[in-house]
Every structure is written in C-alpha cells, then in structure tokens.
Amino acid sequence: MKSVAIVFSFLIISTLLFSQIVVDLPADRDNTMYEESVNESNGMGDFFFTGINDNDEIRRSLLRFDLSSIPSNAIVSNVQLTLFCSRSLGTFVVNVHKLNNDWGEGNSHAPGQEGGGAAAQAGDATWGFRFWNTDAWAVNGGDFDATISSTTTASNGAFSTFTGATLIADVQGWISSSANNFGWLLKGPETNSGEASRFNSRQNASNQPSLQVTYTVPDPCTGVDSTMLSGVLNSILYQFPDSSLVTDGIVLADSVVGLEAINFIELLPEFEVQLAGELEVTALPCE
C-alpha cells in the first residue's frame, strides 16, 4: 500500500463561519469632463461637477476607488458611496453609472471655483479623451453602462449617499476582477440650465469622497466533514477542479499524479482514512 501524507484544506460550505468586515476607502482618482471643450479637465482640482450650468454646458464626473485591500474571495453585502455637495442652486438627482473603459487623472487644476476647467495635462480625462491626448473615448462624454448603478439627490451643503444592489454588484465584480475596475461616472440633470452640482474631490481639505464596503471572508480553519474523503481519490479531485485557493498546502511522501488539482479551504482534524484500498491519507489539523 502506498502511504501518502497530505495536508488537506477543505471547503465545507454548510459549516463555514464568516466574519463581517467594514472598510472606508478614499478615492484614488477623480476628474471632471467639460462638454464645451475636448481639451479641458480638472484632475488636481478641489472639486468635480455634474449636471448642466447656466450656459447649457454639461459636466460629468469620474470617480474610482482602489479595492485591492479587500480579498478577492470576499463576499460583499453592502456598499455606500458618500459625496459632499459644496455648491448647488437646488436639489437635483444624480445618477451613478459603471464605466466601461479606463481613464486618467492628470495635473490640470482649474482656477477659481473650477467651473470652467483648465487645459488638460498628460493623462487627463476630458470630454473627448480617456487619457489626454492619446486615447479617445469611444463616445464623447465617457464610455459608461446605460444601467444606473445607484441614484440619489444632491443639495447645497449636504452629503449625498448612494446605495443599492447594482452598486454592490459593481464592487463585487471589481473585487473579483480588479482589471475591470474603472470606477463610476456621475451624471446629473442635463436638460435645464443651472442644474449643476459641485462636489468635494479627493484633493479637497475636507469631506472627500468615501466608499464604505461591508464584506465577509470564509474563516480558513473551521468546518469538518470527513465523509467527503470517502470514495476513489480521482473522483474527489474532479469535485474540486479549481486549484487557485491552495498552492502550497500539500506534502507528499510518495508522488501521486493530479494531487495539485485539489481545491479545499478548510483543514480537517487529524485522522487517517483508506481510499479505494490503495492510498492511506493523513489529514493534519489546522494551525
């Protein structure tokens, strides 16, 4: 009989214990796009804008958060995007849309109250360019999903909070696949003159954008189900084809083809079990 010593990590969904974690993240990029000019931006400004100004010129904002501190296997249960509206002539609806392409925040800094923008610098996003002046948007004004991820209102001197299932889905998708995290586009009213809102940016000295994410991660050392070890070894391997969660948890006394395919998360208490009359397996406890 071949004798194989193995450290198993076991996925037992029914007995997993979860710990809820809440993090508040700052924005890592924001910018304003100005409809009247494809070469104006405000990457380093204290504010960004949405809606339409008194001259019937549209403004749209871009906003992104770095989610890399959250584990890729996290399960998101709640998301709150909070912005501070520092100037508005009324109370206006603001919609958040998921962006479909990457964009930049350069060194442009609009003067005064920043409503008119400044000459775009290298890497800035503008109405016509994702990155000035080398990569254009597919459509002027930004490449974004038509589906509204979340909606709320903006009023002068008040915080605006965006929540909802679609916003959660956006963040969950970006955590699972960080390469697709292009952030959101903020779109205010774009019909009637003067319905523009100004928000504090990440460069502002106070009330910067914040993203609160509530999530859980499976505890790696809980849950036991020894019945999963019964049967033929190959059949167990094919039940868990994804090897991404375990890369170095297997120690072999004899080589066994295919063991690297095992994908478990939870370590079993120490015991021995006979598999198909050929392999004796020892599972060691979680440390």
Protein backbone atom coordinates (compact mmCIF):
# COMPACT_ATOMS: atom_id res chain seq x y z
CA MET A 1 0.00 0.00 0.00
CA LYS A 2 1.31 3.45 -0.89
CA SER A 3 1.47 5.77 2.08
CA VAL A 4 0.91 9.46 1.42
CA ALA A 5 0.97 12.26 3.99
CA ILE A 6 -1.20 15.15 2.92
CA VAL A 7 -2.22 18.47 4.47
CA PHE A 8 -5.83 18.94 3.30
CA SER A 9 -7.72 22.22 3.14
CA PHE A 10 -11.42 21.51 2.95
CA LEU A 11 -14.34 23.52 1.51
CA ILE A 12 -17.37 22.85 3.68
CA ILE A 13 -19.91 25.48 2.68
CA SER A 14 -22.58 24.36 5.14
CA THR A 15 -20.34 24.80 8.17
CA LEU A 16 -18.29 27.86 7.25
CA LEU A 17 -18.11 30.66 9.78
CA PHE A 18 -17.92 34.23 8.49
CA SER A 19 -16.55 37.43 9.99
CA GLN A 20 -18.10 40.72 8.88
CA ILE A 21 -15.63 43.47 7.99
CA VAL A 22 -16.37 47.13 7.25
CA VAL A 23 -13.80 49.35 5.49
CA ASP A 24 -13.93 53.01 4.48
CA LEU A 25 -11.88 53.70 1.38
CA PRO A 26 -10.77 57.04 -0.09
CA ALA A 27 -10.99 57.73 -3.80
CA ASP A 28 -7.77 57.18 -5.72
CA ARG A 29 -8.87 59.15 -8.81
CA ASP A 30 -11.47 61.76 -9.74
CA ASN A 31 -11.93 64.26 -12.54
CA THR A 32 -14.45 66.44 -14.39
CA MET A 33 -15.25 66.39 -18.10
CA TYR A 34 -16.44 69.67 -19.68
CA GLU A 35 -18.75 69.33 -22.69
CA GLU A 36 -17.71 72.59 -24.36
CA SER A 37 -14.08 71.51 -24.75
CA VAL A 38 -12.37 68.20 -25.53
CA ASN A 39 -9.11 69.56 -24.08
CA GLU A 40 -10.22 70.81 -20.64
CA SER A 41 -10.02 68.86 -17.41
CA ASN A 42 -9.58 69.29 -13.63
CA GLY A 43 -7.50 66.37 -12.39
CA MET A 44 -5.93 68.11 -9.38
CA GLY A 45 -8.87 70.37 -8.55
CA ASP A 46 -10.63 70.61 -5.21
CA PHE A 47 -13.99 69.90 -6.84
CA PHE A 48 -15.76 67.92 -9.53
CA PHE A 49 -19.08 68.70 -11.20
CA THR A 50 -22.24 67.10 -12.59
CA GLY A 51 -25.25 68.47 -14.43
CA ILE A 52 -25.61 71.50 -16.69
CA ASN A 53 -24.51 75.05 -15.97
CA ASP A 54 -26.15 78.43 -16.75
CA ASN A 55 -24.58 78.38 -20.24
CA ASP A 56 -26.17 74.99 -21.03
CA GLU A 57 -22.78 73.28 -20.85
CA ILE A 58 -22.79 69.72 -19.46
CA ARG A 59 -20.39 68.47 -16.80
CA ARG A 60 -19.82 64.83 -15.90
CA SER A 61 -17.63 63.46 -13.13
CA LEU A 62 -15.38 60.41 -12.99
CA LEU A 63 -14.58 58.63 -9.73
CA ARG A 64 -12.61 55.50 -8.81
CA PHE A 65 -11.63 53.64 -5.62
CA ASP A 66 -8.76 51.21 -5.09
CA LEU A 67 -10.26 47.93 -3.82
CA SER A 68 -7.02 45.93 -3.71
CA SER A 69 -7.01 45.81 0.12
CA ILE A 70 -10.14 43.62 0.03
CA PRO A 71 -9.51 39.87 -0.51
CA SER A 72 -10.53 38.62 -3.94
CA ASN A 73 -12.78 35.94 -2.37
CA ALA A 74 -14.67 38.47 -0.23
CA ILE A 75 -18.46 38.42 -0.34
CA VAL A 76 -19.84 41.98 -0.40
CA SER A 77 -23.08 42.59 1.49
CA ASN A 78 -23.31 46.39 1.44
CA VAL A 79 -21.78 49.41 -0.27
CA GLN A 80 -22.22 53.11 0.48
CA LEU A 81 -20.73 55.83 -1.72
CA THR A 82 -20.73 59.18 0.08
CA LEU A 83 -20.05 62.57 -1.56
CA PHE A 84 -20.29 66.11 -0.20
CA CYS A 85 -22.10 68.67 -2.34
CA SER A 86 -20.39 72.00 -1.68
CA ARG A 87 -22.46 74.06 -4.14
CA SER A 88 -25.85 73.64 -5.80
CA LEU A 89 -28.69 76.07 -6.68
CA GLY A 90 -31.31 73.45 -5.90
CA THR A 91 -31.84 69.79 -5.13
CA PHE A 92 -31.04 67.63 -8.15
CA VAL A 93 -30.97 63.93 -8.94
CA VAL A 94 -27.52 62.44 -9.56
CA ASN A 95 -27.04 59.01 -11.15
CA VAL A 96 -24.01 56.71 -10.91
CA HIS A 97 -23.05 54.57 -13.92
CA LYS A 98 -20.32 51.93 -14.15
CA LEU A 99 -17.55 52.95 -16.53
CA ASN A 100 -16.56 50.56 -19.34
CA ASN A 101 -13.10 51.97 -20.07
CA ASP A 102 -10.14 53.23 -18.09
CA TRP A 103 -9.37 56.95 -17.74
CA GLY A 104 -6.88 59.27 -16.11
CA GLU A 105 -6.31 61.99 -13.56
CA GLY A 106 -3.52 64.33 -14.67
CA ASN A 107 -2.11 67.56 -13.24
CA SER A 108 -4.70 70.00 -14.59
CA HIS A 109 -6.12 72.40 -11.99
CA ALA A 110 -8.92 74.79 -12.88
CA PRO A 111 -8.76 78.32 -11.41
CA GLY A 112 -11.21 79.94 -9.00
CA GLN A 113 -14.35 77.92 -8.36
CA GLU A 114 -13.18 75.48 -11.06
CA GLY A 115 -16.45 75.55 -13.01
CA GLY A 116 -14.72 76.22 -16.33
CA GLY A 117 -11.89 73.68 -16.26
CA ALA A 118 -8.24 74.05 -17.24
CA ALA A 119 -6.01 72.93 -20.09
CA ALA A 120 -5.69 69.15 -19.93
CA GLN A 121 -2.32 67.73 -18.92
CA ALA A 122 -0.78 64.38 -19.90
CA GLY A 123 -3.02 61.51 -18.83
CA ASP A 124 -6.06 63.66 -18.01
CA ALA A 125 -9.58 62.56 -18.88
CA THR A 126 -11.55 65.10 -20.95
CA TRP A 127 -14.89 65.11 -22.79
CA GLY A 128 -13.15 63.61 -25.82
CA PHE A 129 -10.24 61.65 -24.33
CA ARG A 130 -9.84 58.94 -21.70
CA PHE A 131 -6.16 59.89 -21.48
CA TRP A 132 -5.18 63.24 -22.96
CA ASN A 133 -4.32 63.28 -25.75
CA THR A 134 -3.60 59.73 -26.88
CA ASP A 135 -6.65 57.57 -26.06
CA ALA A 136 -10.11 58.77 -27.04
CA TRP A 137 -13.43 57.70 -25.56
CA ALA A 138 -15.49 55.53 -27.90
CA VAL A 139 -18.22 58.15 -27.40
CA ASN A 140 -17.57 61.73 -26.33
CA GLY A 141 -18.61 62.25 -22.74
CA GLY A 142 -17.44 58.86 -21.48
CA ASP A 143 -17.94 55.15 -22.12
CA PHE A 144 -20.38 54.03 -19.44
CA ASP A 145 -23.06 51.45 -18.85
CA ALA A 146 -26.56 52.77 -19.56
CA THR A 147 -27.84 50.96 -16.47
CA ILE A 148 -27.96 53.23 -13.43
CA SER A 149 -25.98 51.65 -10.60
CA SER A 150 -27.44 53.98 -7.98
CA THR A 151 -29.28 57.27 -7.73
CA THR A 152 -29.75 59.93 -5.05
CA THR A 153 -30.11 63.71 -4.74
CA ALA A 154 -27.56 66.47 -4.26
CA SER A 155 -28.28 69.61 -2.24
CA ASN A 156 -26.08 72.53 -1.31
CA GLY A 157 -24.00 71.86 1.81
CA ALA A 158 -25.23 68.28 2.28
CA PHE A 159 -23.86 64.77 1.92
CA SER A 160 -25.20 62.51 -0.85
CA THR A 161 -25.19 58.75 -0.21
CA PHE A 162 -25.52 56.16 -2.98
CA THR A 163 -26.51 52.58 -2.17
CA GLY A 164 -28.31 49.63 -3.75
CA ALA A 165 -27.97 46.15 -5.20
CA THR A 166 -26.42 47.24 -8.50
CA LEU A 167 -23.79 49.31 -6.71
CA ILE A 168 -22.95 46.23 -4.63
CA ALA A 169 -22.72 44.15 -7.82
CA ASP A 170 -20.30 46.68 -9.34
CA VAL A 171 -17.96 46.48 -6.34
CA GLN A 172 -18.25 42.69 -6.10
CA GLY A 173 -17.27 42.39 -9.76
CA TRP A 174 -14.28 44.68 -9.34
CA ILE A 175 -13.05 42.78 -6.28
CA SER A 176 -13.26 39.50 -8.19
CA SER A 177 -11.67 41.00 -11.31
CA SER A 178 -9.60 44.08 -10.47
CA ALA A 179 -8.61 44.64 -14.11
CA ASN A 180 -12.17 45.79 -14.80
CA ASN A 181 -12.27 48.40 -12.04
CA PHE A 182 -12.67 51.64 -14.00
CA GLY A 183 -14.90 53.26 -11.39
CA TRP A 184 -18.08 55.25 -11.94
CA LEU A 185 -19.37 58.18 -13.96
CA LEU A 186 -21.60 60.66 -12.12
CA LYS A 187 -24.34 62.11 -14.29
CA GLY A 188 -26.64 64.91 -13.13
CA PRO A 189 -29.56 66.60 -14.91
CA GLU A 190 -28.60 67.60 -18.46
CA THR A 191 -31.74 69.39 -19.70
CA ASN A 192 -32.43 72.64 -17.83
CA SER A 193 -29.88 75.44 -17.36
CA GLY A 194 -28.40 75.86 -13.89
CA GLU A 195 -28.97 72.31 -12.67
CA ALA A 196 -25.32 71.69 -11.84
CA SER A 197 -23.85 70.37 -8.60
CA ARG A 198 -20.31 70.69 -7.27
CA PHE A 199 -18.75 68.01 -5.06
CA ASN A 200 -15.58 67.97 -2.98
CA SER A 201 -12.84 65.94 -4.65
CA ARG A 202 -10.20 63.73 -3.08
CA GLN A 203 -7.79 66.70 -3.18
CA ASN A 204 -10.12 68.82 -1.05
CA ALA A 205 -9.04 69.55 2.53
CA SER A 206 -12.36 68.27 3.90
CA ASN A 207 -15.27 65.91 3.17
CA GLN A 208 -13.55 63.90 0.46
CA PRO A 209 -15.40 61.08 -1.38
CA SER A 210 -15.68 57.88 0.63
CA LEU A 211 -16.65 54.32 -0.22
CA GLN A 212 -17.75 52.08 2.64
CA VAL A 213 -17.71 48.37 1.84
CA THR A 214 -19.12 45.68 4.12
CA TYR A 215 -17.96 42.15 3.34
CA THR A 216 -17.26 38.71 4.76
CA VAL A 217 -14.45 36.23 4.13
CA PRO A 218 -14.61 32.49 4.95
CA ASP A 219 -12.69 31.52 8.07
CA PRO A 220 -9.89 29.18 6.85
CA CYS A 221 -9.86 26.98 9.96
CA THR A 222 -13.47 25.97 10.63
CA GLY A 223 -15.80 23.25 9.40
CA VAL A 224 -15.37 19.47 9.29
CA ASP A 225 -16.93 16.86 7.03
CA SER A 226 -14.86 13.68 6.89
CA THR A 227 -17.40 11.97 4.62
CA MET A 228 -16.02 14.00 1.72
CA LEU A 229 -12.89 11.83 1.87
CA SER A 230 -14.71 8.58 1.12
CA GLY A 231 -14.52 7.07 -2.36
CA VAL A 232 -11.91 6.97 -5.07
CA LEU A 233 -9.25 9.67 -4.97
CA ASN A 234 -9.74 10.71 -8.60
CA SER A 235 -13.42 11.35 -8.05
CA ILE A 236 -12.56 13.69 -5.17
CA LEU A 237 -10.11 15.60 -7.33
CA TYR A 238 -12.69 16.26 -10.02
CA GLN A 239 -15.17 17.58 -7.50
CA PHE A 240 -12.74 20.43 -6.86
CA PRO A 241 -11.16 21.35 -10.24
CA ASP A 242 -10.01 24.87 -9.31
CA SER A 243 -6.58 24.85 -7.68
CA SER A 244 -6.33 28.62 -7.21
CA LEU A 245 -7.12 28.63 -3.48
CA VAL A 246 -4.41 26.18 -2.43
CA THR A 247 -0.88 26.40 -3.80
CA ASP A 248 1.40 25.03 -1.11
CA GLY A 249 -0.69 23.02 1.34
CA ILE A 250 0.17 19.51 0.12
CA VAL A 251 3.15 17.48 1.38
CA LEU A 252 3.72 14.09 -0.24
CA ALA A 253 5.66 11.06 0.97
CA ASP A 254 5.09 9.47 -2.43
CA SER A 255 4.20 11.30 -5.62
CA VAL A 256 0.60 10.97 -6.74
CA VAL A 257 -0.41 12.33 -10.16
CA GLY A 258 -3.09 15.00 -10.00
CA LEU A 259 -2.96 15.96 -6.34
CA GLU A 260 -2.14 19.56 -7.24
CA ALA A 261 -5.70 19.87 -8.52
CA ILE A 262 -7.17 19.64 -5.01
CA ASN A 263 -9.02 22.80 -4.04
CA PHE A 264 -10.05 22.94 -0.36
CA ILE A 265 -10.03 25.77 2.12
CA GLU A 266 -10.56 24.12 5.47
CA LEU A 267 -8.13 21.87 7.32
CA LEU A 268 -9.53 18.74 8.94
CA PRO A 269 -8.74 17.38 12.42
CA GLU A 270 -6.05 14.73 12.30
CA PHE A 271 -7.24 11.27 11.23
CA GLU A 272 -6.45 8.53 8.72
CA VAL A 273 -8.71 7.09 6.04
CA GLN A 274 -8.36 4.33 3.44
CA LEU A 275 -9.16 5.37 -0.14
CA ALA A 276 -10.12 2.63 -2.62
CA GLY A 277 -7.70 0.18 -0.94
CA GLU A 278 -4.71 1.93 -2.44
CA LEU A 279 -3.89 5.15 -0.62
CA GLU A 280 -3.65 5.87 3.07
CA VAL A 281 -4.24 9.58 3.68
CA THR A 282 -3.36 11.50 6.84
CA ALA A 283 -5.06 14.86 7.26
CA LEU A 284 -3.32 17.19 9.70
CA PRO A 285 -5.15 19.82 11.84
CA CYS A 286 -5.32 23.50 11.04
CA GLU A 287 -2.73 25.54 12.88
